[in-house]
Amino acid sequence: MTDQITEPKAPAAEKSSIAHRLYTGEISYDFVGHRRRWYIISAIVLLISVLALFVRGVNWGIEFRGGADFQAPIAVTETTVDDVRSAVQALNLPQNDDLTVTTISSNSVRVQTRPLSETEVTQVKGAIAAEAGVQPDDVAYSLIGASWGQQITTQALIALVVFLVLVMALIWAYFREFKMSIAAILALLHDLVVTVGVYALIGFTVTPATMIGVLTILGYSLYDTVVVFDKIRENTHDITNSRFTYSHQANAALNQVLVRSLNTTIIGVLPVAALLFTGAFILGTGPLKDLGLALFVGMIAGAYSSIFIATPLLAQMREADPDMVEHRERLQRRAARASEKANRKPKTISTVAVGGVAASNVDPASLGLVSAADLQPGARRQPSKQARSRRKK
């Protein structure tokens, strides 16, 4: 007796994984059908962001508002920031409430103030030097004009506008669907407003590193949206000959790439979260903190908008097109006919046994049969049956 060798079967868990079940449509969530819910949530978040911008305002860094920057060598301790701030505030300089003191690594301190006169610069350098235990000449000083910050802001806005225009043209040319461009750009603007609103709400300083982070999240947000739109195009390339609506196929596409979108977001957010933690809680200041917050908020907002904003918005716009309206009405008529046919009760045929032969009690007229007497004149009738003795031989 020989042993039978069989190929190993794939584990059942692999076949029934969440990703596989979402891709095959075994399970799905109606993201498109609940679009009003997502619109309300997004409207609340946007309202909070806009209110934060108008009420609290943006905390512009010295690179944008202009001012004086001092740096001095010092052995940094837990009280260094408070001691240096108290030493500068003891000068009682007018309009010096916006004073920023931070440490740079473990051997330097940085002080930022409003633009100062020559006399005020000398006084501040002396106070910092006395607290740090160095000579006034060892305190580095630089004056940053507000015009330089305005140039950065202007260039960033120009880059943003050019980027949005080029992206709209690219998405339109690639997908050959202008509504996809509109949905993608609206989702991107949603991410920008939310990111800037969080900055205003938390009170983080906006620096050039922040601008870099904001411009970086544009590409990430669009990447996730384009992945979803590419699957929607694949599912709806012949939608007018399908038995599904555009919203149904768009929602199916979103469920099919949902796990990939979530995995991409998690993998991307984890190192950014570590970057933000290092800049905010370990270093306390610097470009890592500003860059990390912009990337962290923007990446999460981008993943949210690609799932809950861009796709439902695209489906809503496409369903309003005349060809989609006609297709949806055709599917409704087809479903109505199928339902009417299913609800129609079939007639039953009862039989009785007569001399061992089954005879039906069905009305012949119901089967489309008529008697010979009801035939029209001239119509051919079947010959009547005669007795065998009377037939011609």
Protein backbone atom coordinates (compact mmCIF):
# COMPACT_ATOMS: atom_id res chain seq x y z
CA MET A 1 0.00 0.00 0.00
CA THR A 2 1.47 3.31 -1.09
CA ASP A 3 0.98 6.61 0.60
CA GLN A 4 -1.02 9.22 -1.29
CA ILE A 5 0.76 12.55 -1.66
CA THR A 6 -1.41 15.65 -1.86
CA GLU A 7 -0.45 19.26 -2.34
CA PRO A 8 -0.77 21.42 0.77
CA LYS A 9 -3.88 23.54 0.85
CA ALA A 10 -3.80 27.23 1.54
CA PRO A 11 -4.70 28.13 5.11
CA ALA A 12 -8.33 29.00 5.62
CA ALA A 13 -7.34 32.20 7.40
CA GLU A 14 -5.61 33.44 4.26
CA LYS A 15 -8.70 32.93 2.15
CA SER A 16 -10.95 34.64 4.68
CA SER A 17 -8.72 37.61 5.48
CA ILE A 18 -10.28 41.04 5.75
CA ALA A 19 -8.45 42.32 2.67
CA HIS A 20 -9.59 39.34 0.58
CA ARG A 21 -13.19 39.61 1.73
CA LEU A 22 -13.26 43.35 1.03
CA TYR A 23 -11.75 42.88 -2.42
CA THR A 24 -14.20 40.16 -3.44
CA GLY A 25 -17.18 42.07 -2.06
CA GLU A 26 -18.01 39.45 0.55
CA ILE A 27 -18.07 42.25 3.10
CA SER A 28 -18.20 45.98 2.44
CA TYR A 29 -19.18 49.26 4.03
CA ASP A 30 -21.35 51.79 2.25
CA PHE A 31 -19.05 54.82 2.36
CA VAL A 32 -20.79 56.48 -0.58
CA GLY A 33 -24.29 55.87 0.77
CA HIS A 34 -23.43 57.59 4.07
CA ARG A 35 -21.81 60.61 2.43
CA ARG A 36 -24.03 63.10 4.28
CA ARG A 37 -22.61 61.83 7.54
CA TRP A 38 -19.03 62.44 6.34
CA TYR A 39 -19.96 65.84 4.95
CA ILE A 40 -21.35 66.91 8.33
CA ILE A 41 -18.24 65.69 10.17
CA SER A 42 -15.95 67.47 7.71
CA ALA A 43 -18.02 70.65 7.93
CA ILE A 44 -17.66 70.68 11.72
CA VAL A 45 -13.89 70.14 11.51
CA LEU A 46 -13.53 72.87 8.88
CA LEU A 47 -15.63 75.26 10.96
CA ILE A 48 -13.41 74.70 13.99
CA SER A 49 -10.31 75.23 11.85
CA VAL A 50 -11.61 78.47 10.35
CA LEU A 51 -12.69 79.80 13.76
CA ALA A 52 -9.24 79.00 15.15
CA LEU A 53 -7.66 80.97 12.31
CA PHE A 54 -9.83 84.03 12.93
CA VAL A 55 -9.97 83.90 16.73
CA ARG A 56 -6.49 82.71 17.72
CA GLY A 57 -4.68 83.57 14.52
CA VAL A 58 -1.47 82.07 13.19
CA ASN A 59 1.63 82.31 15.33
CA TRP A 60 4.08 83.43 12.67
CA GLY A 61 7.73 82.81 13.33
CA ILE A 62 10.37 85.50 13.31
CA GLU A 63 11.19 84.58 9.71
CA PHE A 64 7.78 85.96 8.69
CA ARG A 65 7.10 88.83 11.09
CA GLY A 66 10.69 90.04 11.38
CA GLY A 67 12.68 90.66 14.55
CA ALA A 68 15.99 90.25 16.35
CA ASP A 69 17.66 86.89 16.91
CA PHE A 70 20.28 86.29 19.63
CA GLN A 71 22.29 83.12 20.22
CA ALA A 72 24.72 82.54 23.07
CA PRO A 73 26.77 79.57 24.30
CA ILE A 74 25.57 78.24 27.66
CA ALA A 75 25.44 75.00 29.60
CA VAL A 76 21.76 74.16 29.27
CA THR A 77 19.92 73.09 32.43
CA GLU A 78 16.27 72.69 33.34
CA THR A 79 16.03 76.36 34.37
CA THR A 80 18.02 77.88 31.50
CA VAL A 81 14.99 78.99 29.48
CA ASP A 82 13.25 80.62 32.46
CA ASP A 83 16.46 82.28 33.69
CA VAL A 84 17.31 83.84 30.33
CA ARG A 85 13.72 84.99 29.79
CA SER A 86 13.66 86.66 33.22
CA ALA A 87 16.97 88.40 32.52
CA VAL A 88 15.67 89.90 29.25
CA GLN A 89 12.28 90.82 30.71
CA ALA A 90 14.04 92.63 33.58
CA LEU A 91 15.17 95.24 31.03
CA ASN A 92 11.51 96.38 30.75
CA LEU A 93 11.77 97.08 27.03
CA PRO A 94 8.52 98.45 25.55
CA GLN A 95 6.32 96.08 23.52
CA ASN A 96 8.49 93.11 24.35
CA ASP A 97 5.72 90.71 25.30
CA ASP A 98 6.33 88.51 22.25
CA LEU A 99 9.58 87.09 23.58
CA THR A 100 10.71 83.59 22.60
CA VAL A 101 13.51 81.73 24.40
CA THR A 102 14.53 78.25 23.29
CA THR A 103 17.55 76.00 23.63
CA ILE A 104 19.63 74.63 20.76
CA SER A 105 21.08 71.23 21.67
CA SER A 106 22.71 71.23 25.13
CA ASN A 107 25.16 74.12 24.79
CA SER A 108 23.33 77.06 23.27
CA VAL A 109 20.34 79.28 23.90
CA ARG A 110 18.30 81.30 21.41
CA VAL A 111 16.33 84.48 22.11
CA GLN A 112 13.95 86.07 19.59
CA THR A 113 12.37 89.48 20.07
CA ARG A 114 10.69 92.20 18.06
CA PRO A 115 12.89 94.46 15.91
CA LEU A 116 15.14 96.45 18.29
CA SER A 117 17.08 99.67 18.09
CA GLU A 118 20.88 99.72 18.45
CA THR A 119 20.63 100.71 22.08
CA GLU A 120 18.13 97.96 22.83
CA VAL A 121 20.31 95.40 21.03
CA THR A 122 23.23 96.32 23.25
CA GLN A 123 21.11 96.00 26.40
CA VAL A 124 19.73 92.57 25.40
CA LYS A 125 23.18 91.24 24.48
CA GLY A 126 24.50 92.38 27.86
CA ALA A 127 21.65 90.70 29.76
CA ILE A 128 22.05 87.41 27.91
CA ALA A 129 25.84 87.47 28.29
CA ALA A 130 25.57 88.12 32.03
CA GLU A 131 23.20 85.17 32.47
CA ALA A 132 25.29 82.86 30.29
CA GLY A 133 28.57 83.92 31.88
CA VAL A 134 30.20 85.06 28.63
CA GLN A 135 31.27 88.31 27.04
CA PRO A 136 28.68 90.41 25.12
CA ASP A 137 30.70 89.95 21.95
CA ASP A 138 30.17 86.19 22.25
CA VAL A 139 26.42 86.66 21.80
CA ALA A 140 25.59 86.33 18.10
CA TYR A 141 23.03 88.77 16.78
CA SER A 142 21.09 88.93 13.50
CA LEU A 143 18.24 91.13 12.32
CA ILE A 144 15.53 89.52 10.20
CA GLY A 145 13.36 91.85 8.19
CA ALA A 146 9.66 91.25 7.72
CA SER A 147 10.03 91.71 3.96
CA TRP A 148 11.99 88.48 3.76
CA GLY A 149 9.14 86.61 5.41
CA GLN A 150 6.67 88.19 3.04
CA GLN A 151 8.74 86.98 0.10
CA ILE A 152 8.66 83.43 1.47
CA THR A 153 4.90 83.59 1.92
CA THR A 154 4.38 84.97 -1.57
CA GLN A 155 6.55 82.32 -3.17
CA ALA A 156 4.79 79.58 -1.20
CA LEU A 157 1.37 80.80 -2.35
CA ILE A 158 2.55 80.97 -5.96
CA ALA A 159 3.93 77.44 -5.71
CA LEU A 160 0.63 76.25 -4.24
CA VAL A 161 -1.49 77.78 -7.02
CA VAL A 162 0.78 76.44 -9.77
CA PHE A 163 0.76 73.02 -8.14
CA LEU A 164 -3.04 72.90 -7.96
CA VAL A 165 -3.43 73.96 -11.60
CA LEU A 166 -0.93 71.40 -12.85
CA VAL A 167 -2.46 68.63 -10.76
CA MET A 168 -5.94 69.38 -12.05
CA ALA A 169 -4.69 69.23 -15.63
CA LEU A 170 -2.76 66.02 -15.00
CA ILE A 171 -5.67 64.20 -13.35
CA TRP A 172 -8.02 65.38 -16.09
CA ALA A 173 -5.65 64.13 -18.80
CA TYR A 174 -4.95 60.81 -17.09
CA PHE A 175 -8.50 59.85 -16.13
CA ARG A 176 -10.22 61.84 -18.90
CA GLU A 177 -12.79 62.90 -16.32
CA PHE A 178 -12.88 66.53 -15.17
CA LYS A 179 -15.07 65.69 -12.17
CA MET A 180 -12.24 63.58 -10.77
CA SER A 181 -10.00 66.66 -10.85
CA ILE A 182 -12.60 68.70 -8.98
CA ALA A 183 -13.13 66.03 -6.33
CA ALA A 184 -9.38 65.56 -5.80
CA ILE A 185 -8.67 69.29 -5.47
CA LEU A 186 -11.58 69.86 -3.07
CA ALA A 187 -10.29 67.02 -0.88
CA LEU A 188 -6.81 68.56 -1.01
CA LEU A 189 -8.10 72.00 0.03
CA HIS A 190 -9.90 70.28 2.90
CA ASP A 191 -6.55 68.87 4.07
CA LEU A 192 -4.82 72.26 3.85
CA VAL A 193 -7.48 74.08 5.86
CA VAL A 194 -7.50 71.39 8.54
CA THR A 195 -3.70 71.38 8.85
CA VAL A 196 -3.43 75.17 9.13
CA GLY A 197 -6.38 75.21 11.54
CA VAL A 198 -4.66 72.72 13.84
CA TYR A 199 -1.56 74.92 13.85
CA ALA A 200 -3.64 77.90 14.90
CA LEU A 201 -5.57 75.87 17.48
CA ILE A 202 -2.47 74.40 19.15
CA GLY A 203 -0.43 77.57 18.81
CA PHE A 204 2.63 76.11 17.13
CA THR A 205 4.92 78.61 15.44
CA VAL A 206 4.74 78.73 11.65
CA THR A 207 8.27 78.61 10.25
CA PRO A 208 9.77 77.84 6.83
CA ALA A 209 9.91 74.19 7.95
CA THR A 210 6.14 74.36 8.37
CA MET A 211 5.78 75.56 4.79
CA ILE A 212 7.90 72.65 3.62
CA GLY A 213 5.71 70.21 5.54
CA VAL A 214 2.49 71.70 4.17
CA LEU A 215 3.71 71.50 0.60
CA THR A 216 4.88 67.92 1.20
CA ILE A 217 1.47 66.68 2.32
CA LEU A 218 -0.03 67.82 -0.98
CA GLY A 219 1.65 64.98 -2.81
CA TYR A 220 0.73 62.41 -0.19
CA SER A 221 -2.92 63.40 -0.10
CA LEU A 222 -3.20 63.26 -3.89
CA TYR A 223 -1.39 59.92 -4.07
CA ASP A 224 -3.99 58.20 -1.90
CA THR A 225 -6.85 59.81 -3.84
CA VAL A 226 -5.42 58.83 -7.23
CA VAL A 227 -5.08 55.21 -6.10
CA VAL A 228 -8.79 55.10 -5.25
CA PHE A 229 -9.78 56.89 -8.47
CA ASP A 230 -7.74 54.46 -10.57
CA LYS A 231 -9.70 51.54 -9.12
CA ILE A 232 -12.97 53.41 -9.70
CA ARG A 233 -12.06 53.90 -13.35
CA GLU A 234 -11.36 50.18 -13.67
CA ASN A 235 -14.74 49.26 -12.14
CA THR A 236 -16.77 51.78 -14.14
CA HIS A 237 -15.20 51.62 -17.60
CA ASP A 238 -18.37 49.98 -19.02
CA ILE A 239 -20.89 51.15 -16.44
CA THR A 240 -23.76 51.81 -18.90
CA ASN A 241 -23.84 48.11 -19.80
CA SER A 242 -23.57 47.00 -16.19
CA ARG A 243 -26.32 46.02 -13.80
CA PHE A 244 -24.83 48.27 -11.09
CA THR A 245 -24.96 52.02 -10.55
CA TYR A 246 -21.92 54.28 -10.54
CA SER A 247 -22.18 54.78 -6.78
CA HIS A 248 -22.23 51.03 -6.21
CA GLN A 249 -19.10 50.46 -8.30
CA ALA A 250 -17.31 53.45 -6.77
CA ASN A 251 -18.06 52.16 -3.28
CA ALA A 252 -16.85 48.68 -4.29
CA ALA A 253 -13.59 50.18 -5.56
CA LEU A 254 -13.13 52.08 -2.30
CA ASN A 255 -13.61 48.90 -0.27
CA GLN A 256 -11.15 47.04 -2.49
CA VAL A 257 -8.30 49.50 -1.82
CA LEU A 258 -9.32 50.34 1.76
CA VAL A 259 -6.81 48.04 3.45
CA ARG A 260 -3.99 49.28 1.24
CA SER A 261 -4.85 52.91 2.02
CA LEU A 262 -4.93 52.24 5.75
CA ASN A 263 -1.64 50.31 5.67
CA THR A 264 0.05 53.07 3.68
CA THR A 265 -1.18 55.70 6.12
CA ILE A 266 -0.09 53.78 9.21
CA ILE A 267 3.35 53.03 7.80
CA GLY A 268 3.80 56.67 6.81
CA VAL A 269 2.47 58.19 10.05
CA LEU A 270 4.56 56.10 12.47
CA PRO A 271 7.97 57.61 11.58
CA VAL A 272 6.41 61.06 11.34
CA ALA A 273 4.97 60.61 14.84
CA ALA A 274 8.45 59.72 16.10
CA LEU A 275 9.79 62.84 14.37
CA LEU A 276 7.12 64.99 16.01
CA PHE A 277 7.73 63.47 19.45
CA THR A 278 11.45 64.11 19.18
CA GLY A 279 11.02 67.71 18.09
CA ALA A 280 8.26 68.61 20.55
CA PHE A 281 9.24 66.75 23.73
CA ILE A 282 12.97 66.06 23.46
CA LEU A 283 14.41 69.01 21.55
CA GLY A 284 11.59 71.36 22.48
CA THR A 285 11.95 73.49 19.38
CA GLY A 286 13.47 73.59 15.93
CA PRO A 287 12.47 72.52 12.44
CA LEU A 288 11.71 68.91 13.44
CA LYS A 289 8.81 70.06 15.60
CA ASP A 290 7.29 72.28 12.90
CA LEU A 291 7.86 69.82 10.08
CA GLY A 292 6.59 66.86 12.12
CA LEU A 293 3.28 68.46 13.07
CA ALA A 294 2.50 69.52 9.49
CA LEU A 295 3.24 66.05 8.14
CA PHE A 296 1.40 64.25 10.96
CA VAL A 297 -1.82 66.24 10.65
CA GLY A 298 -1.68 66.44 6.85
CA MET A 299 -1.16 62.71 6.29
CA ILE A 300 -4.06 61.75 8.54
CA ALA A 301 -6.29 64.37 6.95
CA GLY A 302 -5.24 63.17 3.48
CA ALA A 303 -6.17 59.57 4.22
CA TYR A 304 -9.52 60.69 5.62
CA SER A 305 -10.36 62.93 2.67
CA SER A 306 -9.52 60.29 0.05
CA ILE A 307 -11.97 57.86 1.65
CA PHE A 308 -14.74 60.04 3.06
CA ILE A 309 -14.62 63.16 0.85
CA ALA A 310 -13.15 62.59 -2.62
CA THR A 311 -14.90 59.32 -3.54
CA PRO A 312 -18.41 60.18 -2.24
CA LEU A 313 -18.14 63.62 -3.86
CA LEU A 314 -17.11 62.11 -7.19
CA ALA A 315 -19.96 59.58 -7.10
CA GLN A 316 -22.48 62.31 -6.28
CA MET A 317 -21.33 64.46 -9.21
CA ARG A 318 -21.27 61.57 -11.66
CA GLU A 319 -24.73 60.35 -10.65
CA ALA A 320 -26.10 63.75 -11.71
CA ASP A 321 -24.90 63.29 -15.31
CA PRO A 322 -27.64 62.55 -17.90
CA ASP A 323 -26.15 59.19 -18.93
CA MET A 324 -25.98 58.04 -15.32
CA VAL A 325 -29.55 59.20 -14.68
CA GLU A 326 -30.74 57.23 -17.71
CA HIS A 327 -28.73 54.19 -16.62
CA ARG A 328 -30.14 54.35 -13.11
CA GLU A 329 -33.72 54.63 -14.40
CA ARG A 330 -33.15 51.68 -16.70
CA LEU A 331 -31.94 49.58 -13.78
CA GLN A 332 -34.98 50.62 -11.75
CA ARG A 333 -37.34 49.54 -14.54
CA ARG A 334 -35.55 46.25 -14.87
CA ALA A 335 -35.78 45.67 -11.13
CA ALA A 336 -39.50 46.54 -11.17
CA ARG A 337 -40.19 44.01 -13.94
CA ALA A 338 -38.24 41.33 -12.12
CA SER A 339 -40.14 42.03 -8.91
CA GLU A 340 -43.48 41.90 -10.73
CA LYS A 341 -42.59 38.62 -12.35
CA ALA A 342 -41.49 37.15 -9.03
CA ASN A 343 -44.73 38.22 -7.34
CA ARG A 344 -46.95 36.70 -10.06
CA LYS A 345 -48.52 33.47 -8.72
CA PRO A 346 -48.34 30.48 -11.10
CA LYS A 347 -51.58 28.53 -11.79
CA THR A 348 -51.68 25.03 -10.39
CA ILE A 349 -52.95 22.00 -12.30
CA SER A 350 -54.85 19.35 -10.37
CA THR A 351 -55.40 15.88 -11.77
CA VAL A 352 -57.76 13.05 -10.98
CA ALA A 353 -57.38 9.42 -11.88
CA VAL A 354 -60.04 8.04 -14.20
CA GLY A 355 -59.70 4.37 -14.96
CA GLY A 356 -56.08 4.48 -13.98
CA VAL A 357 -55.36 7.41 -16.39
CA ALA A 358 -54.67 10.90 -15.07
CA ALA A 359 -57.05 13.55 -16.40
CA SER A 360 -56.63 17.27 -15.87
CA ASN A 361 -59.43 19.53 -14.75
CA VAL A 362 -57.82 22.55 -16.39
CA ASP A 363 -59.95 24.75 -18.63
CA PRO A 364 -58.70 24.21 -22.22
CA ALA A 365 -59.24 27.91 -22.95
CA SER A 366 -56.62 28.75 -20.33
CA LEU A 367 -54.13 26.80 -22.41
CA GLY A 368 -55.05 28.61 -25.62
CA LEU A 369 -57.25 25.78 -27.00
CA VAL A 370 -60.71 26.27 -28.57
CA SER A 371 -63.43 23.82 -29.53
CA ALA A 372 -64.20 22.94 -33.15
CA ALA A 373 -67.60 24.67 -32.92
CA ASP A 374 -65.86 27.96 -32.06
CA LEU A 375 -63.69 27.94 -35.13
CA GLN A 376 -64.38 30.58 -37.71
CA PRO A 377 -66.09 29.60 -40.96
CA GLY A 378 -63.67 28.13 -43.39
CA ALA A 379 -61.25 27.12 -40.73
CA ARG A 380 -60.02 23.59 -41.01
CA ARG A 381 -61.25 21.14 -38.46
CA GLN A 382 -59.87 17.84 -37.42
CA PRO A 383 -61.85 14.85 -38.82
CA SER A 384 -64.22 13.29 -36.35
CA LYS A 385 -63.51 9.79 -35.22
CA GLN A 386 -65.75 7.10 -36.81
CA ALA A 387 -66.48 3.60 -35.78
CA ARG A 388 -64.26 0.97 -37.37
CA SER A 389 -67.30 -0.80 -38.97
CA ARG A 390 -68.27 2.39 -40.85
CA ARG A 391 -64.86 3.21 -42.23
CA LYS A 392 -64.17 2.66 -45.90
CA LYS A 393 -62.40 -0.50 -46.61
